[in-house]
Amino acid sequence: AVVSTQSTGMPQVIHGNGPNKIDLSRFGNYYPRVFDPSEGPDGDCLICKEKEGRVNVTEMETAPLILTTMFITERTPFLDYFINKTFAQQYPQERWHIRIYNKVFSQADLVQELVNHHVNFNEKQKFASVKIYQPKMLSLKGNMEIYDAGMQECVELGCDWYFAMGSVITLTENTVLKDLIYWNESIITTQLTQPGQYWSNFWGDVN
């Protein structure tokens, strides 16, 4: 338990400013019993074991119905790599819906070409459904509107899991969808990094 040495009370919320935030961040990693630094050479994630292996994502009959949305809201270099790596995910296609929301006119032809390659001209594909929303359809919509539209499609499709992606990131492993769903958490995400920089979408302190 956390006890205040000045008031002898047990606070429900702890907040700090300035340099205190760094200490609280370190403390917060260990107090909720989510990480044990004494286990193994690199520590052990305790909370990861709570729901391990509850979702079977290897068989088409038992795989959850998912929707993946790709949002292209700004001109993106290597856009073909982003789309190709997403379509290359190892997930039962019969249980996988895909939506692409593209607001960039200069990349509309490339998006269509890639979808043709993976879907329209691919006799082996078995996706539950694939749709593209090109700039002419989205020109009057703000980013938040199309983000909401993606979520609404998930509701209408009755999907079990929703995976949203911005075009500025790329999946480097082709098992990301299966790995994330496997843990059976309400909300979960990948860890994103920028090569050669001390940056990720999970805040951390470097000393």
Protein backbone atom coordinates (compact mmCIF):
# COMPACT_ATOMS: atom_id res chain seq x y z
CA ALA A 1 0.00 0.00 0.00
CA VAL A 2 1.01 3.64 -0.48
CA VAL A 3 1.01 5.62 2.78
CA SER A 4 1.71 9.32 3.24
CA THR A 5 4.38 9.74 5.91
CA GLN A 6 3.13 13.26 6.71
CA SER A 7 -0.60 12.60 7.06
CA THR A 8 -0.50 8.80 7.58
CA GLY A 9 -3.31 8.65 5.01
CA MET A 10 -3.54 6.25 2.07
CA PRO A 11 -4.07 8.36 -1.08
CA GLN A 12 -6.20 7.13 -3.95
CA VAL A 13 -4.55 9.45 -6.48
CA ILE A 14 -0.92 10.57 -6.59
CA HIS A 15 0.04 13.56 -8.75
CA GLY A 16 3.36 15.29 -9.12
CA ASN A 17 4.80 18.23 -11.03
CA GLY A 18 8.23 18.93 -12.46
CA PRO A 19 10.97 16.46 -11.50
CA ASN A 20 8.52 14.51 -9.31
CA LYS A 21 6.92 13.11 -12.47
CA ILE A 22 10.05 11.13 -13.28
CA ASP A 23 10.08 9.43 -9.88
CA LEU A 24 6.35 8.77 -10.02
CA SER A 25 6.72 7.23 -13.47
CA ARG A 26 9.36 4.81 -12.19
CA PHE A 27 7.28 4.05 -9.12
CA GLY A 28 4.14 3.50 -11.18
CA ASN A 29 5.80 0.74 -13.18
CA TYR A 30 6.25 -1.40 -10.09
CA TYR A 31 3.56 -0.57 -7.55
CA PRO A 32 0.56 -1.94 -9.54
CA ARG A 33 2.39 -5.29 -9.79
CA VAL A 34 2.60 -5.12 -13.57
CA PHE A 35 6.37 -5.56 -13.74
CA ASP A 36 8.83 -7.42 -11.54
CA PRO A 37 12.46 -6.37 -12.15
CA SER A 38 13.79 -9.23 -10.00
CA GLU A 39 12.52 -11.98 -12.34
CA GLY A 40 14.92 -13.10 -15.07
CA PRO A 41 17.64 -11.06 -16.76
CA ASP A 42 15.24 -8.39 -18.09
CA GLY A 43 12.42 -8.48 -15.56
CA ASP A 44 8.98 -10.05 -15.99
CA CYS A 45 5.62 -8.63 -17.09
CA LEU A 46 3.17 -9.90 -14.47
CA ILE A 47 -0.04 -8.54 -15.96
CA CYS A 48 0.75 -10.20 -19.30
CA LYS A 49 0.02 -13.59 -17.74
CA GLU A 50 -3.49 -12.76 -16.54
CA LYS A 51 -5.35 -13.52 -19.79
CA GLU A 52 -2.71 -15.40 -21.72
CA GLY A 53 -3.94 -17.57 -24.59
CA ARG A 54 -7.67 -16.97 -24.36
CA VAL A 55 -8.26 -16.18 -28.04
CA ASN A 56 -7.65 -18.72 -30.80
CA VAL A 57 -6.57 -16.75 -33.86
CA THR A 58 -5.12 -19.60 -35.91
CA GLU A 59 -8.29 -21.30 -37.16
CA MET A 60 -10.77 -19.55 -39.46
CA GLU A 61 -13.77 -21.04 -37.64
CA THR A 62 -12.76 -19.57 -34.27
CA ALA A 63 -10.93 -16.38 -35.31
CA PRO A 64 -12.66 -13.15 -34.20
CA LEU A 65 -14.18 -10.93 -36.88
CA ILE A 66 -11.90 -7.89 -37.21
CA LEU A 67 -11.83 -4.57 -39.04
CA THR A 68 -8.56 -2.88 -39.94
CA THR A 69 -8.71 0.75 -41.04
CA MET A 70 -5.84 2.57 -42.73
CA PHE A 71 -6.01 6.36 -42.47
CA ILE A 72 -4.01 8.40 -44.99
CA THR A 73 -4.48 12.01 -43.87
CA GLU A 74 -1.18 13.47 -45.11
CA ARG A 75 1.21 12.82 -47.97
CA THR A 76 3.23 9.81 -46.88
CA PRO A 77 6.57 8.55 -48.22
CA PHE A 78 6.83 4.81 -48.81
CA LEU A 79 3.05 4.51 -48.76
CA ASP A 80 3.27 1.31 -50.79
CA TYR A 81 5.34 -0.27 -48.02
CA PHE A 82 2.73 0.70 -45.42
CA ILE A 83 -0.16 -0.80 -47.40
CA ASN A 84 1.73 -3.90 -48.54
CA LYS A 85 2.85 -4.76 -44.99
CA THR A 86 -0.71 -4.35 -43.73
CA PHE A 87 -2.17 -6.67 -46.36
CA ALA A 88 0.63 -9.16 -45.59
CA GLN A 89 -0.62 -9.73 -42.05
CA GLN A 90 -1.17 -13.41 -41.29
CA TYR A 91 -4.84 -13.49 -40.35
CA PRO A 92 -7.75 -15.58 -41.72
CA GLN A 93 -8.99 -13.39 -44.56
CA GLU A 94 -12.56 -14.66 -44.32
CA ARG A 95 -12.73 -13.00 -40.90
CA TRP A 96 -10.97 -9.78 -41.88
CA HIS A 97 -12.58 -6.54 -43.14
CA ILE A 98 -10.34 -3.73 -44.43
CA ARG A 99 -11.14 -0.05 -44.99
CA ILE A 100 -8.82 2.61 -46.42
CA TYR A 101 -9.58 6.28 -45.87
CA ASN A 102 -7.38 8.39 -48.14
CA LYS A 103 -7.49 12.21 -48.07
CA VAL A 104 -4.41 12.79 -50.25
CA PHE A 105 -5.30 13.43 -53.90
CA SER A 106 -1.72 12.95 -55.17
CA GLN A 107 -1.60 9.40 -53.80
CA ALA A 108 -5.09 8.26 -54.82
CA ASP A 109 -3.87 6.40 -57.92
CA LEU A 110 -1.19 4.58 -55.93
CA VAL A 111 -3.72 3.49 -53.30
CA GLN A 112 -6.05 2.15 -55.99
CA GLU A 113 -3.19 0.35 -57.74
CA LEU A 114 -2.14 -1.39 -54.53
CA VAL A 115 -5.68 -2.45 -53.68
CA ASN A 116 -6.08 -3.80 -57.21
CA HIS A 117 -2.92 -5.84 -56.70
CA HIS A 118 -3.95 -7.31 -53.36
CA VAL A 119 -7.70 -7.63 -53.90
CA ASN A 120 -9.33 -6.85 -57.25
CA PHE A 121 -6.79 -8.68 -59.43
CA ASN A 122 -5.93 -11.36 -56.90
CA GLU A 123 -7.99 -14.51 -57.41
CA LYS A 124 -6.64 -16.08 -54.21
CA GLN A 125 -7.80 -13.33 -51.84
CA LYS A 126 -10.72 -14.16 -49.54
CA PHE A 127 -11.17 -10.97 -47.53
CA ALA A 128 -14.56 -10.52 -45.91
CA SER A 129 -14.67 -7.07 -47.55
CA VAL A 130 -12.33 -4.30 -48.70
CA LYS A 131 -13.39 -0.70 -49.38
CA ILE A 132 -11.52 2.46 -50.32
CA TYR A 133 -12.70 5.97 -49.53
CA GLN A 134 -10.80 8.32 -51.84
CA PRO A 135 -10.24 12.10 -51.45
CA LYS A 136 -13.28 13.13 -53.50
CA MET A 137 -15.48 11.36 -50.97
CA LEU A 138 -13.64 12.77 -47.96
CA SER A 139 -12.72 16.30 -49.05
CA LEU A 140 -15.34 17.95 -46.82
CA LYS A 141 -14.67 15.77 -43.79
CA GLY A 142 -12.23 16.50 -40.98
CA ASN A 143 -9.87 13.90 -39.62
CA MET A 144 -11.97 13.27 -36.52
CA GLU A 145 -15.01 12.62 -38.70
CA ILE A 146 -13.28 9.92 -40.69
CA TYR A 147 -11.83 8.39 -37.51
CA ASP A 148 -15.38 8.20 -36.15
CA ALA A 149 -16.58 6.76 -39.46
CA GLY A 150 -14.07 3.94 -39.17
CA MET A 151 -15.26 3.09 -35.69
CA GLN A 152 -18.89 3.25 -36.82
CA GLU A 153 -18.17 0.73 -39.59
CA CYS A 154 -16.87 -1.64 -36.96
CA VAL A 155 -20.15 -1.32 -35.08
CA GLU A 156 -22.21 -1.89 -38.22
CA LEU A 157 -20.16 -4.93 -39.22
CA GLY A 158 -20.45 -6.40 -35.74
CA CYS A 159 -16.69 -6.83 -35.56
CA ASP A 160 -15.05 -8.26 -32.46
CA TRP A 161 -11.82 -6.25 -32.77
CA TYR A 162 -10.94 -2.93 -34.35
CA PHE A 163 -7.40 -2.05 -35.44
CA ALA A 164 -6.80 1.53 -36.63
CA MET A 165 -3.58 2.62 -38.30
CA GLY A 166 -2.15 5.91 -39.54
CA SER A 167 -0.05 5.83 -42.70
CA VAL A 168 2.99 7.31 -40.95
CA ILE A 169 3.65 4.01 -39.18
CA THR A 170 4.50 0.59 -40.59
CA LEU A 171 4.09 -2.90 -39.17
CA THR A 172 7.42 -4.71 -39.35
CA GLU A 173 6.11 -8.11 -38.23
CA ASN A 174 3.42 -9.97 -40.17
CA THR A 175 1.88 -11.50 -37.03
CA VAL A 176 0.97 -8.24 -35.26
CA LEU A 177 -2.81 -8.68 -35.57
CA LYS A 178 -2.74 -12.25 -34.25
CA ASP A 179 -0.31 -11.36 -31.46
CA LEU A 180 -2.39 -8.43 -30.22
CA ILE A 181 -5.70 -10.29 -30.27
CA TYR A 182 -4.12 -13.30 -28.58
CA TRP A 183 -3.75 -11.35 -25.32
CA ASN A 184 -7.51 -10.71 -25.14
CA GLU A 185 -7.29 -7.22 -23.65
CA SER A 186 -9.94 -4.53 -24.12
CA ILE A 187 -7.45 -2.03 -25.54
CA ILE A 188 -3.95 -2.88 -26.70
CA THR A 189 -1.46 -1.41 -29.14
CA THR A 190 1.90 -2.01 -30.69
CA GLN A 191 5.03 -0.24 -29.54
CA LEU A 192 6.17 2.25 -32.15
CA THR A 193 9.74 3.48 -32.47
CA GLN A 194 11.74 5.85 -34.65
CA PRO A 195 14.99 4.14 -35.66
CA GLY A 196 18.07 5.84 -34.26
CA GLN A 197 16.10 8.06 -31.86
CA TYR A 198 15.08 7.88 -28.21
CA TRP A 199 11.38 7.94 -29.07
CA SER A 200 8.41 5.61 -28.79
CA ASN A 201 4.66 5.86 -28.21
CA PHE A 202 5.32 4.51 -24.70
CA TRP A 203 6.89 7.29 -22.66
CA GLY A 204 10.09 6.35 -20.90
CA ASP A 205 12.92 8.04 -19.07
CA VAL A 206 16.49 7.74 -20.35
CA ASN A 207 19.32 8.49 -17.97
